[in-house]
N, C-alpha and C. Protein backbone atom coordinates (compact mmCIF):
# COMPACT_ATOMS: atom_id res chain seq x y z
N MET A 1 -2.97 38.59 -5.96
CA MET A 1 -2.02 38.19 -6.29
C MET A 1 -2.12 36.55 -5.77
N ASN A 2 -0.91 35.86 -6.50
CA ASN A 2 -0.77 34.20 -6.63
C ASN A 2 0.25 34.01 -5.74
N ASN A 3 0.44 33.20 -4.91
CA ASN A 3 1.33 33.07 -3.83
C ASN A 3 2.72 32.50 -4.31
N LEU A 4 3.19 33.08 -5.63
CA LEU A 4 4.24 33.02 -5.73
C LEU A 4 4.71 34.50 -5.79
N GLU A 5 3.41 35.34 -6.17
CA GLU A 5 3.96 37.17 -5.73
C GLU A 5 3.35 37.65 -4.55
N ILE A 6 3.04 36.85 -4.08
CA ILE A 6 2.56 37.55 -2.45
C ILE A 6 4.14 37.08 -1.95
N TRP A 7 4.43 35.64 -2.15
CA TRP A 7 6.03 35.64 -1.59
C TRP A 7 7.49 36.36 -2.15
N GLU A 8 7.13 36.90 -3.33
CA GLU A 8 7.71 37.98 -3.71
C GLU A 8 8.17 39.26 -3.35
N GLU A 9 6.55 39.62 -2.54
CA GLU A 9 6.65 40.66 -2.68
C GLU A 9 7.01 40.90 -0.77
N ILE A 10 6.54 39.44 0.05
CA ILE A 10 7.39 38.95 1.46
C ILE A 10 8.67 39.61 1.26
N PHE A 11 9.50 38.63 0.86
CA PHE A 11 10.67 38.48 0.79
C PHE A 11 11.56 39.67 0.56
N SER A 12 10.58 40.84 -0.07
CA SER A 12 11.25 41.99 -0.77
C SER A 12 11.05 43.37 -0.12
N ASN A 13 10.13 42.91 1.13
CA ASN A 13 10.06 43.95 1.97
C ASN A 13 9.94 43.22 3.66
N ASN A 14 11.11 42.16 3.97
CA ASN A 14 10.91 42.06 5.08
C ASN A 14 12.44 41.22 5.15
N ASP A 15 13.05 41.25 6.80
CA ASP A 15 14.38 40.95 6.88
C ASP A 15 14.42 40.04 7.45
N TRP A 16 13.82 38.15 7.52
CA TRP A 16 13.82 37.34 8.03
C TRP A 16 14.23 35.94 7.79
N GLY A 17 14.28 35.31 8.43
CA GLY A 17 14.55 34.12 7.65
C GLY A 17 16.08 33.41 7.91
N LYS A 18 16.67 33.89 8.81
CA LYS A 18 18.25 33.55 8.86
C LYS A 18 18.46 32.05 9.24
N TYR A 19 17.68 32.03 9.79
CA TYR A 19 18.74 30.48 10.97
C TYR A 19 17.68 29.47 10.68
N PRO A 20 18.19 28.04 10.64
CA PRO A 20 17.58 27.02 10.24
C PRO A 20 16.31 26.41 11.69
N SER A 21 15.78 25.62 10.95
CA SER A 21 14.82 25.00 11.86
C SER A 21 15.25 24.36 12.37
N ILE A 22 15.28 23.56 13.88
CA ILE A 22 15.76 22.86 15.13
C ILE A 22 15.43 21.49 14.39
N PRO A 23 13.91 20.99 14.21
CA PRO A 23 14.15 19.74 13.58
C PRO A 23 14.67 19.29 12.34
N LEU A 24 14.89 20.13 11.66
CA LEU A 24 15.79 20.04 10.38
C LEU A 24 16.85 19.63 10.80
N VAL A 25 17.48 20.52 11.74
CA VAL A 25 19.11 20.32 11.64
C VAL A 25 19.33 18.94 12.28
N ARG A 26 18.51 18.67 13.17
CA ARG A 26 18.40 16.92 13.79
C ARG A 26 18.22 16.41 12.77
N PHE A 27 17.14 16.39 11.66
CA PHE A 27 17.13 15.38 10.85
C PHE A 27 18.27 15.32 9.53
N VAL A 28 19.23 16.46 9.06
CA VAL A 28 20.49 16.48 8.90
C VAL A 28 21.43 15.82 9.26
N ALA A 29 21.09 16.28 10.59
CA ALA A 29 22.63 15.48 11.29
C ALA A 29 22.69 14.15 11.60
N ARG A 30 20.93 13.65 11.75
CA ARG A 30 21.17 12.24 12.26
C ARG A 30 21.34 11.00 11.17
N ASN A 31 21.38 11.73 9.88
CA ASN A 31 21.35 11.26 8.65
C ASN A 31 22.50 11.17 7.34
N PHE A 32 22.92 12.43 7.66
CA PHE A 32 24.43 12.71 6.81
C PHE A 32 25.55 13.18 7.57
N TYR A 33 25.76 13.47 9.03
CA TYR A 33 26.76 14.11 9.32
C TYR A 33 28.01 12.65 8.99
N LYS A 34 27.34 11.20 9.39
CA LYS A 34 28.61 10.42 9.42
C LYS A 34 28.81 10.38 7.60
N ALA A 35 28.90 10.78 6.79
CA ALA A 35 28.95 10.82 5.58
C ALA A 35 30.33 10.96 5.38
N LYS A 36 31.39 10.25 5.09
CA LYS A 36 33.15 10.50 5.13
C LYS A 36 33.61 11.86 4.59
N GLU A 37 32.85 11.67 2.72
CA GLU A 37 32.63 12.79 1.88
C GLU A 37 31.77 14.25 2.06
N ARG A 38 31.76 15.12 2.55
CA ARG A 38 30.25 15.81 3.17
C ARG A 38 30.18 16.37 1.60
N GLU A 39 30.86 16.99 0.95
CA GLU A 39 31.30 17.52 -0.19
C GLU A 39 30.77 17.01 -1.58
N ASN A 40 30.58 15.79 -1.07
CA ASN A 40 29.72 14.33 -1.94
C ASN A 40 28.23 13.96 -1.83
N ILE A 41 27.94 14.67 -0.76
CA ILE A 41 26.50 14.55 -0.34
C ILE A 41 25.44 15.48 -0.99
N LYS A 42 24.38 15.58 -1.71
CA LYS A 42 23.49 16.98 -2.35
C LYS A 42 21.95 16.79 -1.59
N LEU A 43 21.62 17.74 -1.17
CA LEU A 43 20.79 18.08 -0.67
C LEU A 43 19.97 19.24 -1.08
N LEU A 44 18.85 19.01 -1.70
CA LEU A 44 18.04 19.98 -2.29
C LEU A 44 16.38 20.38 -1.28
N GLU A 45 16.52 21.86 -1.26
CA GLU A 45 15.50 22.20 -0.30
C GLU A 45 14.74 23.00 -1.27
N LEU A 46 13.17 22.67 -1.17
CA LEU A 46 12.30 23.16 -2.17
C LEU A 46 11.73 24.57 -1.19
N GLY A 47 11.72 25.69 -1.96
CA GLY A 47 11.14 26.64 -1.17
C GLY A 47 11.96 27.46 -0.46
N THR A 48 12.95 27.67 -0.56
CA THR A 48 14.00 27.90 0.04
C THR A 48 14.15 29.27 0.96
N GLY A 49 13.30 30.54 0.50
CA GLY A 49 13.14 31.65 0.70
C GLY A 49 14.76 32.08 0.88
N PRO A 50 14.82 32.94 1.96
CA PRO A 50 16.12 33.81 2.05
C PRO A 50 17.36 32.39 2.45
N GLY A 51 17.19 31.36 2.65
CA GLY A 51 18.38 29.85 2.80
C GLY A 51 18.55 29.83 3.77
N ALA A 52 17.61 30.06 4.73
CA ALA A 52 18.87 29.64 6.67
C ALA A 52 19.25 28.44 6.76
N ASN A 53 18.05 27.35 6.41
CA ASN A 53 18.70 25.82 5.78
C ASN A 53 19.34 25.72 4.92
N ILE A 54 19.97 26.51 3.63
CA ILE A 54 20.58 25.99 2.62
C ILE A 54 21.87 26.49 3.32
N TRP A 55 22.21 27.76 4.16
CA TRP A 55 23.06 28.10 5.17
C TRP A 55 23.66 27.12 5.79
N PHE A 56 23.01 26.86 6.75
CA PHE A 56 23.16 25.74 7.42
C PHE A 56 23.97 24.83 7.03
N MET A 57 23.30 23.93 5.98
CA MET A 57 24.04 22.73 4.92
C MET A 57 25.08 23.27 4.59
N ALA A 58 25.62 24.19 3.78
CA ALA A 58 26.57 24.69 3.17
C ALA A 58 27.90 24.33 4.26
N ARG A 59 27.26 25.50 5.76
CA ARG A 59 28.45 25.34 6.23
C ARG A 59 28.69 24.23 7.08
N GLU A 60 27.74 23.84 7.01
CA GLU A 60 28.36 21.68 7.60
C GLU A 60 29.02 21.33 6.43
N GLY A 61 29.32 21.65 4.96
CA GLY A 61 30.24 20.97 4.03
C GLY A 61 29.11 20.04 3.11
N PHE A 62 27.94 20.07 3.08
CA PHE A 62 27.34 19.36 2.23
C PHE A 62 27.52 20.43 0.99
N LYS A 63 26.82 19.75 -0.41
CA LYS A 63 26.18 20.48 -1.71
C LYS A 63 25.14 20.89 -1.56
N VAL A 64 24.64 22.12 -2.02
CA VAL A 64 23.59 22.55 -1.66
C VAL A 64 23.05 23.00 -2.89
N TYR A 65 21.71 22.80 -3.20
CA TYR A 65 20.58 23.01 -4.07
C TYR A 65 19.28 23.50 -4.09
N ALA A 66 18.84 24.79 -4.25
CA ALA A 66 17.61 25.41 -4.20
C ALA A 66 16.96 25.82 -5.04
N LEU A 67 15.42 25.42 -4.50
CA LEU A 67 14.56 25.70 -5.51
C LEU A 67 13.38 26.82 -5.23
N GLU A 68 13.35 27.79 -5.16
CA GLU A 68 12.38 28.96 -4.40
C GLU A 68 11.77 29.93 -5.40
N GLY A 69 10.67 30.39 -5.62
CA GLY A 69 9.61 30.86 -6.23
C GLY A 69 10.35 32.47 -6.36
N SER A 70 10.40 32.97 -5.50
CA SER A 70 11.20 34.41 -5.01
C SER A 70 12.00 34.90 -6.14
N GLN A 71 12.69 35.71 -6.95
CA GLN A 71 13.88 35.65 -7.42
C GLN A 71 14.85 36.73 -6.32
N THR A 72 13.47 37.72 -5.53
CA THR A 72 14.33 38.39 -4.36
C THR A 72 15.37 37.29 -3.73
N ALA A 73 14.38 36.37 -3.34
CA ALA A 73 15.31 35.63 -2.45
C ALA A 73 16.23 35.20 -2.40
N CYS A 74 15.99 34.42 -3.81
CA CYS A 74 17.11 33.14 -4.56
C CYS A 74 18.28 34.51 -4.42
N GLU A 75 18.31 35.90 -4.92
CA GLU A 75 19.16 36.64 -4.90
C GLU A 75 19.99 36.65 -3.30
N GLN A 76 18.84 37.14 -2.14
CA GLN A 76 19.58 37.26 -1.15
C GLN A 76 20.50 36.12 -0.67
N LEU A 77 20.24 34.54 -0.63
CA LEU A 77 20.75 33.43 -0.33
C LEU A 77 22.18 33.40 -0.97
N ALA A 78 22.28 33.48 -2.38
CA ALA A 78 23.26 33.54 -3.13
C ALA A 78 24.49 34.46 -2.59
N GLU A 79 23.72 36.06 -2.32
CA GLU A 79 24.70 37.00 -1.61
C GLU A 79 25.21 36.68 -0.34
N ARG A 80 24.30 35.78 0.10
CA ARG A 80 24.91 35.54 1.72
C ARG A 80 25.68 34.54 1.76
N LEU A 81 25.67 33.62 1.16
CA LEU A 81 26.65 32.58 0.93
C LEU A 81 27.79 33.23 0.15
N LYS A 82 28.20 33.60 -0.59
CA LYS A 82 28.70 34.55 -1.04
C LYS A 82 29.86 35.43 -0.26
N LYS A 83 29.12 36.17 0.59
CA LYS A 83 30.13 36.95 1.82
C LYS A 83 30.55 36.16 2.42
N GLU A 84 29.91 34.83 2.93
CA GLU A 84 30.32 33.83 4.12
C GLU A 84 31.70 32.80 3.55
N GLY A 85 32.18 32.92 2.44
CA GLY A 85 32.69 32.20 1.61
C GLY A 85 32.38 30.57 1.37
N LEU A 86 31.19 30.49 1.44
CA LEU A 86 30.10 29.67 0.67
C LEU A 86 29.63 29.25 -0.79
N SER A 87 30.24 29.93 -1.33
CA SER A 87 29.77 29.94 -2.83
C SER A 87 29.88 28.80 -3.66
N ASP A 88 31.08 27.77 -3.08
CA ASP A 88 31.44 26.86 -3.92
C ASP A 88 30.87 25.46 -3.27
N ARG A 89 29.62 25.81 -2.26
CA ARG A 89 28.70 24.85 -2.10
C ARG A 89 27.88 24.45 -2.75
N ILE A 90 27.73 25.87 -3.76
CA ILE A 90 26.36 25.80 -4.20
C ILE A 90 26.41 24.92 -5.59
N GLY A 91 25.32 24.22 -5.76
CA GLY A 91 25.23 22.79 -6.51
C GLY A 91 24.63 24.16 -7.82
N ALA A 92 23.39 24.49 -7.19
CA ALA A 92 22.15 25.30 -8.30
C ALA A 92 20.88 26.11 -7.29
N ILE A 93 20.83 26.98 -7.90
CA ILE A 93 20.15 28.35 -6.96
C ILE A 93 18.74 28.30 -8.23
N HIS A 94 17.74 27.96 -8.27
CA HIS A 94 16.76 27.88 -9.52
C HIS A 94 15.58 29.19 -8.79
N SER A 95 15.00 30.10 -9.80
CA SER A 95 13.55 30.68 -8.96
C SER A 95 12.82 30.42 -10.13
N GLY A 96 11.59 29.98 -9.71
CA GLY A 96 10.80 29.98 -10.32
C GLY A 96 9.68 28.80 -9.48
N ASP A 97 8.53 28.36 -10.32
CA ASP A 97 7.29 27.03 -9.85
C ASP A 97 8.64 25.70 -9.77
N TYR A 98 8.47 25.23 -8.19
CA TYR A 98 9.67 24.15 -8.39
C TYR A 98 9.24 22.74 -8.63
N PHE A 99 7.57 22.90 -9.50
CA PHE A 99 6.84 22.21 -10.03
C PHE A 99 7.47 21.49 -10.78
N GLU A 100 8.06 22.69 -11.95
CA GLU A 100 9.00 22.69 -13.25
C GLU A 100 10.26 22.86 -12.86
N LYS A 101 10.64 23.58 -12.17
CA LYS A 101 12.32 23.33 -12.01
C LYS A 101 12.66 22.25 -11.49
N ILE A 102 12.27 21.37 -10.60
CA ILE A 102 12.65 19.84 -10.40
C ILE A 102 13.34 18.94 -11.17
N ASP A 103 12.56 19.39 -13.00
CA ASP A 103 12.92 18.54 -13.80
C ASP A 103 14.03 18.83 -14.56
N LEU A 104 14.58 19.93 -14.13
CA LEU A 104 16.11 20.23 -14.54
C LEU A 104 16.90 19.26 -13.85
N PHE A 105 16.65 18.65 -13.12
CA PHE A 105 17.83 17.60 -12.70
C PHE A 105 17.58 16.41 -13.06
N GLU A 106 18.61 15.43 -13.05
CA GLU A 106 18.41 13.69 -13.15
C GLU A 106 17.93 12.93 -12.10
N ASP A 107 16.98 12.00 -12.63
CA ASP A 107 16.63 11.10 -11.78
C ASP A 107 17.90 10.62 -10.87
N ASN A 108 17.54 10.22 -9.68
CA ASN A 108 18.01 9.39 -8.91
C ASN A 108 20.01 10.63 -8.74
N TYR A 109 19.51 11.99 -8.20
CA TYR A 109 20.30 12.55 -7.92
C TYR A 109 20.74 13.10 -6.95
N PHE A 110 19.75 13.30 -6.07
CA PHE A 110 19.96 13.89 -4.65
C PHE A 110 19.70 12.69 -3.48
N ASP A 111 20.60 12.86 -2.34
CA ASP A 111 20.49 11.94 -1.46
C ASP A 111 20.04 12.74 -0.27
N GLY A 112 19.19 13.82 -0.47
CA GLY A 112 18.07 14.12 0.28
C GLY A 112 17.41 15.30 -0.08
N VAL A 113 16.02 15.50 0.46
CA VAL A 113 15.07 16.70 -0.15
C VAL A 113 14.36 17.15 0.85
N LEU A 114 14.22 17.96 0.83
CA LEU A 114 14.06 18.86 2.11
C LEU A 114 12.79 20.31 1.62
N ASP A 115 11.37 19.55 2.67
CA ASP A 115 10.63 20.69 2.65
C ASP A 115 10.27 21.04 4.15
N CYS A 116 10.14 22.74 4.06
CA CYS A 116 10.60 23.22 5.65
C CYS A 116 9.18 24.38 5.08
N GLU A 117 8.13 23.79 5.41
CA GLU A 117 6.84 24.47 5.18
C GLU A 117 7.09 25.17 4.31
N SER A 118 6.89 24.73 2.99
CA SER A 118 6.30 24.91 1.74
C SER A 118 5.39 24.33 0.61
N LEU A 119 5.44 23.19 0.74
CA LEU A 119 4.60 22.32 0.28
C LEU A 119 2.97 22.54 0.38
N TYR A 120 2.98 23.03 1.79
CA TYR A 120 1.97 23.40 1.98
C TYR A 120 1.15 24.88 1.27
N CYS A 121 1.76 25.17 0.73
CA CYS A 121 1.03 26.25 -0.32
C CYS A 121 0.76 25.88 -1.30
N ASN A 122 0.62 24.50 -1.88
CA ASN A 122 -0.20 23.68 -2.96
C ASN A 122 -1.53 22.66 -2.64
N SER A 123 -2.36 23.01 -3.28
CA SER A 123 -3.23 21.66 -3.24
C SER A 123 -2.66 20.28 -2.97
N PHE A 124 -3.58 19.71 -2.68
CA PHE A 124 -3.27 18.16 -1.68
C PHE A 124 -2.81 17.70 -3.48
N ALA A 125 -3.80 17.65 -4.31
CA ALA A 125 -3.54 16.88 -5.88
C ALA A 125 -2.54 17.48 -6.26
N ARG A 126 -1.59 18.64 -6.16
CA ARG A 126 -0.46 19.28 -6.83
C ARG A 126 1.05 18.82 -5.88
N THR A 127 0.41 18.65 -4.59
CA THR A 127 1.72 18.40 -3.52
C THR A 127 1.69 16.97 -3.75
N ARG A 128 0.64 16.30 -4.07
CA ARG A 128 1.21 14.38 -4.24
C ARG A 128 1.71 14.02 -5.44
N GLU A 129 1.92 15.03 -6.53
CA GLU A 129 1.87 15.11 -7.78
C GLU A 129 3.53 15.10 -7.75
N MET A 130 3.69 16.66 -6.78
CA MET A 130 5.72 16.93 -6.62
C MET A 130 6.02 15.96 -5.57
N ILE A 131 5.19 15.35 -4.94
CA ILE A 131 5.90 14.01 -3.54
C ILE A 131 6.40 13.21 -5.28
N ILE A 132 5.66 13.00 -6.12
CA ILE A 132 6.06 11.49 -6.86
C ILE A 132 7.29 12.30 -7.45
N LYS A 133 7.54 13.44 -8.25
CA LYS A 133 8.32 13.91 -8.52
C LYS A 133 9.75 13.80 -7.48
N ILE A 134 9.68 13.92 -6.75
CA ILE A 134 10.67 14.05 -5.46
C ILE A 134 11.56 12.91 -5.77
N PHE A 135 10.62 12.16 -5.43
CA PHE A 135 11.09 10.45 -5.10
C PHE A 135 11.63 10.05 -6.81
N ARG A 136 11.68 10.51 -7.73
CA ARG A 136 12.08 10.30 -8.58
C ARG A 136 13.54 10.78 -8.97
N LYS A 137 13.87 11.64 -8.18
CA LYS A 137 15.10 12.60 -8.14
C LYS A 137 16.00 12.03 -6.82
N LEU A 138 15.57 11.51 -5.83
CA LEU A 138 16.21 11.17 -4.97
C LEU A 138 16.97 9.58 -5.67
N LYS A 139 18.50 9.56 -4.70
CA LYS A 139 18.90 8.42 -5.06
C LYS A 139 18.38 6.67 -4.34
N GLN A 140 17.86 6.06 -4.49
CA GLN A 140 18.05 4.51 -3.47
C GLN A 140 18.94 4.86 -2.27
N GLY A 141 17.76 4.65 -0.91
CA GLY A 141 18.49 5.10 0.25
C GLY A 141 18.36 6.26 0.55
N GLY A 142 17.96 7.63 -0.55
CA GLY A 142 17.52 8.63 0.08
C GLY A 142 16.46 8.99 0.78
N TRP A 143 16.74 10.34 1.58
CA TRP A 143 15.60 10.93 2.22
C TRP A 143 14.92 12.14 1.66
N PHE A 144 13.52 12.24 2.42
CA PHE A 144 12.66 13.19 1.86
C PHE A 144 12.31 13.79 3.34
N TYR A 145 12.53 14.99 3.28
CA TYR A 145 11.74 15.77 5.04
C TYR A 145 11.00 16.74 4.82
N SER A 146 9.73 16.61 5.21
CA SER A 146 8.78 17.66 5.48
C SER A 146 7.81 18.06 6.58
N GLN A 147 8.35 19.44 6.77
CA GLN A 147 7.54 19.85 7.51
C GLN A 147 6.69 20.81 7.38
N THR A 148 5.83 20.21 7.85
CA THR A 148 4.19 21.35 7.73
C THR A 148 3.02 21.12 8.35
N PHE A 149 2.19 22.20 8.20
CA PHE A 149 1.16 22.76 9.06
C PHE A 149 -0.10 21.63 9.19
N ALA A 150 -0.50 21.22 10.49
CA ALA A 150 -1.25 20.04 11.07
C ALA A 150 -2.42 20.82 11.14
N ASP A 151 -3.82 20.12 11.48
CA ASP A 151 -5.00 20.24 11.64
C ASP A 151 -4.97 21.07 12.76
N GLY A 152 -6.26 22.41 13.17
CA GLY A 152 -5.59 22.48 14.45
C GLY A 152 -4.73 23.96 14.60
N THR A 153 -4.41 24.26 13.41
CA THR A 153 -2.95 25.35 13.67
C THR A 153 -3.98 26.73 13.53
N TRP A 154 -3.51 27.57 14.57
CA TRP A 154 -4.47 29.17 14.68
C TRP A 154 -4.37 29.57 13.21
N GLY A 155 -5.54 29.70 13.06
CA GLY A 155 -5.56 30.39 11.37
C GLY A 155 -6.17 29.45 10.48
N LEU A 156 -5.97 28.39 10.55
CA LEU A 156 -6.13 27.32 9.41
C LEU A 156 -7.50 26.54 9.94
N ASP A 157 -8.88 27.45 10.24
CA ASP A 157 -10.03 26.91 10.95
C ASP A 157 -10.79 27.69 9.81
N ALA A 158 -10.37 28.30 8.96
CA ALA A 158 -11.21 29.13 8.10
C ALA A 158 -12.31 28.77 7.30
N SER A 159 -13.05 29.23 6.15
CA SER A 159 -13.66 28.60 5.39
C SER A 159 -13.02 27.76 4.45
N GLU A 160 -13.27 26.85 3.95
CA GLU A 160 -12.27 25.92 3.16
C GLU A 160 -11.94 26.62 1.72
N ILE A 161 -10.94 26.51 1.02
CA ILE A 161 -11.65 26.91 -0.65
C ILE A 161 -10.77 25.80 -1.45
N ASP A 162 -10.28 24.95 -0.90
CA ASP A 162 -10.24 23.83 -1.68
C ASP A 162 -9.70 22.46 -0.19
N TYR A 163 -9.82 21.02 -0.89
CA TYR A 163 -9.46 20.48 0.28
C TYR A 163 -8.16 20.76 1.00
N HIS A 164 -8.91 20.67 2.59
CA HIS A 164 -7.71 21.39 3.90
C HIS A 164 -7.07 22.54 3.58
N ALA A 165 -7.79 23.50 2.87
CA ALA A 165 -7.21 24.66 2.11
C ALA A 165 -7.32 25.90 2.59
N VAL A 166 -7.35 26.74 3.25
CA VAL A 166 -7.88 28.07 3.44
C VAL A 166 -6.97 29.13 2.63
N SER A 167 -7.57 30.95 3.00
CA SER A 167 -6.39 31.93 2.90
C SER A 167 -6.73 32.32 4.32
N PRO A 168 -6.10 31.85 4.97
CA PRO A 168 -5.49 32.84 6.31
C PRO A 168 -6.23 34.08 6.67
N VAL A 169 -6.71 34.54 7.64
CA VAL A 169 -6.94 36.13 7.71
C VAL A 169 -6.38 36.48 9.44
N GLU A 170 -5.77 34.94 10.14
CA GLU A 170 -5.31 35.45 11.76
C GLU A 170 -4.07 34.48 11.69
N GLY A 171 -3.33 34.25 12.39
CA GLY A 171 -2.17 33.35 12.65
C GLY A 171 -1.26 33.63 11.70
N PRO A 172 -0.32 33.06 11.88
CA PRO A 172 1.02 32.60 11.31
C PRO A 172 1.17 33.32 9.79
N MET A 173 0.00 32.60 9.21
CA MET A 173 0.02 32.62 7.94
C MET A 173 -1.04 33.67 7.29
N ARG A 174 -1.30 34.78 7.94
CA ARG A 174 -2.36 35.82 7.51
C ARG A 174 -2.14 36.37 6.58
N ASN A 175 -3.13 36.60 5.81
CA ASN A 175 -2.73 37.49 4.32
C ASN A 175 -1.44 36.81 3.86
N LYS A 176 -1.15 35.37 3.70
CA LYS A 176 -0.15 34.88 2.89
C LYS A 176 -0.73 33.96 1.23
N GLY A 177 -1.89 34.10 1.47
CA GLY A 177 -2.30 33.03 0.41
C GLY A 177 -2.84 31.70 0.94
N PHE A 178 -2.77 31.22 -0.06
CA PHE A 178 -3.16 29.28 -0.20
C PHE A 178 -2.60 28.60 0.78
N SER A 179 -3.12 28.67 1.46
CA SER A 179 -2.47 27.27 2.79
C SER A 179 -3.06 26.30 2.90
N ARG A 180 -2.49 24.88 2.96
CA ARG A 180 -2.95 23.92 3.15
C ARG A 180 -2.59 23.29 4.73
N TYR A 181 -3.70 22.65 5.44
CA TYR A 181 -3.20 21.71 6.46
C TYR A 181 -3.20 20.44 6.48
N THR A 182 -3.10 19.70 7.06
CA THR A 182 -2.53 18.22 6.27
C THR A 182 -2.88 17.63 8.18
N THR A 183 -4.14 16.72 7.83
CA THR A 183 -4.16 15.78 8.88
C THR A 183 -3.72 14.30 9.35
N ARG A 184 -3.54 13.74 10.22
CA ARG A 184 -2.39 12.70 10.15
C ARG A 184 -3.22 11.48 9.63
N ASN A 185 -4.32 11.40 8.96
CA ASN A 185 -5.39 10.10 7.98
C ASN A 185 -4.77 11.09 6.69
N ASP A 186 -4.33 12.01 6.24
CA ASP A 186 -3.79 12.80 5.15
C ASP A 186 -2.46 12.06 4.54
N ILE A 187 -1.83 11.74 5.93
CA ILE A 187 -0.21 11.92 5.57
C ILE A 187 0.31 10.31 4.69
N GLU A 188 -0.41 9.36 5.07
CA GLU A 188 -0.23 8.50 4.15
C GLU A 188 -0.72 8.66 2.59
N GLY A 189 -1.62 9.00 2.26
CA GLY A 189 -2.26 9.24 0.74
C GLY A 189 -1.70 10.53 0.36
N LEU A 190 -0.72 11.38 0.79
CA LEU A 190 0.04 12.21 0.57
C LEU A 190 2.03 11.54 0.28
N TYR A 191 2.36 11.14 1.22
CA TYR A 191 3.98 10.79 1.05
C TYR A 191 3.95 9.46 0.36
N LYS A 192 3.01 8.65 0.95
CA LYS A 192 3.32 6.80 0.90
C LYS A 192 3.39 6.65 -0.65
N LEU A 193 4.40 6.10 -1.22
CA LEU A 193 4.86 5.73 -2.80
C LEU A 193 4.92 4.00 -2.70
N PRO A 194 4.87 3.48 -3.98
CA PRO A 194 5.21 1.88 -3.91
C PRO A 194 6.62 2.37 -3.85
N ASP A 195 7.96 3.26 -4.10
CA ASP A 195 9.47 3.01 -3.67
C ASP A 195 10.16 3.61 -2.28
N ASN A 196 9.04 3.66 -1.84
CA ASN A 196 9.47 4.32 -0.22
C ASN A 196 8.70 4.15 0.77
N GLU A 197 9.55 4.54 2.02
CA GLU A 197 8.53 3.66 3.84
C GLU A 197 8.79 5.02 4.57
N ILE A 198 7.73 5.50 5.10
CA ILE A 198 7.48 6.53 5.69
C ILE A 198 8.00 5.89 6.89
N VAL A 199 9.16 6.40 7.41
CA VAL A 199 9.96 6.28 8.37
C VAL A 199 9.25 6.61 10.36
N ASN A 200 9.26 7.75 10.05
CA ASN A 200 9.03 8.36 11.29
C ASN A 200 7.87 9.73 10.92
N VAL A 201 7.11 10.03 12.02
CA VAL A 201 6.08 10.79 12.22
C VAL A 201 5.98 11.61 13.52
N GLU A 202 6.07 12.91 13.08
CA GLU A 202 6.17 13.49 14.80
C GLU A 202 5.31 14.78 14.91
N ARG A 203 4.77 15.05 15.64
CA ARG A 203 3.96 16.79 15.71
C ARG A 203 4.37 17.36 16.69
N ILE A 204 4.42 18.80 16.50
CA ILE A 204 5.44 19.77 17.40
C ILE A 204 3.90 20.57 17.49
N ASP A 205 3.51 20.69 18.74
CA ASP A 205 2.51 21.74 19.22
C ASP A 205 3.27 23.26 20.03
N GLN A 206 3.07 24.13 19.19
CA GLN A 206 3.81 25.17 19.77
C GLN A 206 2.42 26.23 20.45
N HIS A 207 2.16 26.35 21.99
CA HIS A 207 1.51 27.37 22.30
C HIS A 207 1.63 28.53 22.79
N CYS A 208 0.59 29.53 22.11
CA CYS A 208 1.02 30.91 21.98
C CYS A 208 0.33 31.58 23.42
N ASN A 209 0.91 32.88 23.42
CA ASN A 209 0.46 33.18 24.75
C ASN A 209 -1.20 33.59 25.02
N ASN A 210 -1.51 33.65 23.64
CA ASN A 210 -3.04 34.06 23.61
C ASN A 210 -3.44 33.05 23.42
N GLY A 211 -3.35 31.50 23.53
CA GLY A 211 -4.24 30.63 23.83
C GLY A 211 -4.07 29.37 22.60
N LYS A 212 -3.60 30.27 21.39
CA LYS A 212 -3.93 29.73 20.07
C LYS A 212 -2.64 28.92 19.94
N ILE A 213 -2.73 27.87 19.35
CA ILE A 213 -1.64 26.76 19.17
C ILE A 213 -0.96 26.70 17.31
N ILE A 214 0.19 26.16 17.34
CA ILE A 214 0.66 26.30 16.15
C ILE A 214 1.13 25.02 15.94
N LYS A 215 0.58 23.96 15.18
CA LYS A 215 0.43 22.87 15.03
C LYS A 215 1.73 22.25 13.53
N GLU A 216 2.71 21.82 14.13
CA GLU A 216 3.49 20.97 12.77
C GLU A 216 3.71 19.96 12.60
N TRP A 217 3.55 18.94 11.62
CA TRP A 217 3.78 18.04 11.41
C TRP A 217 5.97 17.56 10.87
N ILE A 218 5.74 16.47 11.40
CA ILE A 218 7.85 16.25 10.96
C ILE A 218 7.66 14.66 10.30
N ILE A 219 7.60 15.09 9.06
CA ILE A 219 7.79 13.63 8.14
C ILE A 219 8.58 13.30 8.04
N GLU A 220 9.61 11.73 7.98
CA GLU A 220 10.50 11.66 7.15
C GLU A 220 10.04 10.48 6.82
N VAL A 221 10.51 10.39 5.18
CA VAL A 221 10.33 9.15 4.42
C VAL A 221 11.58 8.72 3.79
N ARG A 222 11.67 7.57 3.45
CA ARG A 222 12.80 6.75 2.93
C ARG A 222 12.96 5.93 1.43
N LYS A 223 13.64 6.42 0.94
CA LYS A 223 13.43 5.87 -0.97
C LYS A 223 14.04 4.14 -0.42
N ASN A 224 13.34 3.41 -1.12
CA ASN A 224 13.98 1.91 -0.87
C ASN A 224 14.45 1.78 -1.97
């Protein structure tokens, strides 16, 4: 199975992904909470899953847009927002390959684009191409947030099948297909463009009880 098929099966058979990432909450609060009219702030998430982050941003009053490979996850997201009276916050929900679906939006459209452990499912070259597209869609002064696995993460030290990419057989991404890790030196090559600035890079290390570590980069980039 390819990655889209793998994640469709995962979302069809698991009930999880209901609450947002704390670093993402902080990012949204820091950059968008001061907006006088939050309903005019357009936020797009790539690879939303069942929509934990979209749900949070909708509750906070922002206009939300979702691109997700799994049709099941898109249906779960739409149903959750409907049940909680948040359907009016939805700008659009599209299922399919977000490399193609992002072209449905006009350039300079979004105030923020967010990737919370989704782009890592793509090769280095395709991720770079996607980031170029993202910055076309962002307004001047808009923000891109990326939370992605770092080298040294449990399970990502297997034999490489592509540049810094493996098919993990243990760890949090076990049996979830193509998984790419990012080194500190990779960040500039992936995220830096002539029209943007990498404003902040942090790393979060989660030390598991078995001695293994899950490492994540938090990368915040602003369009000039």
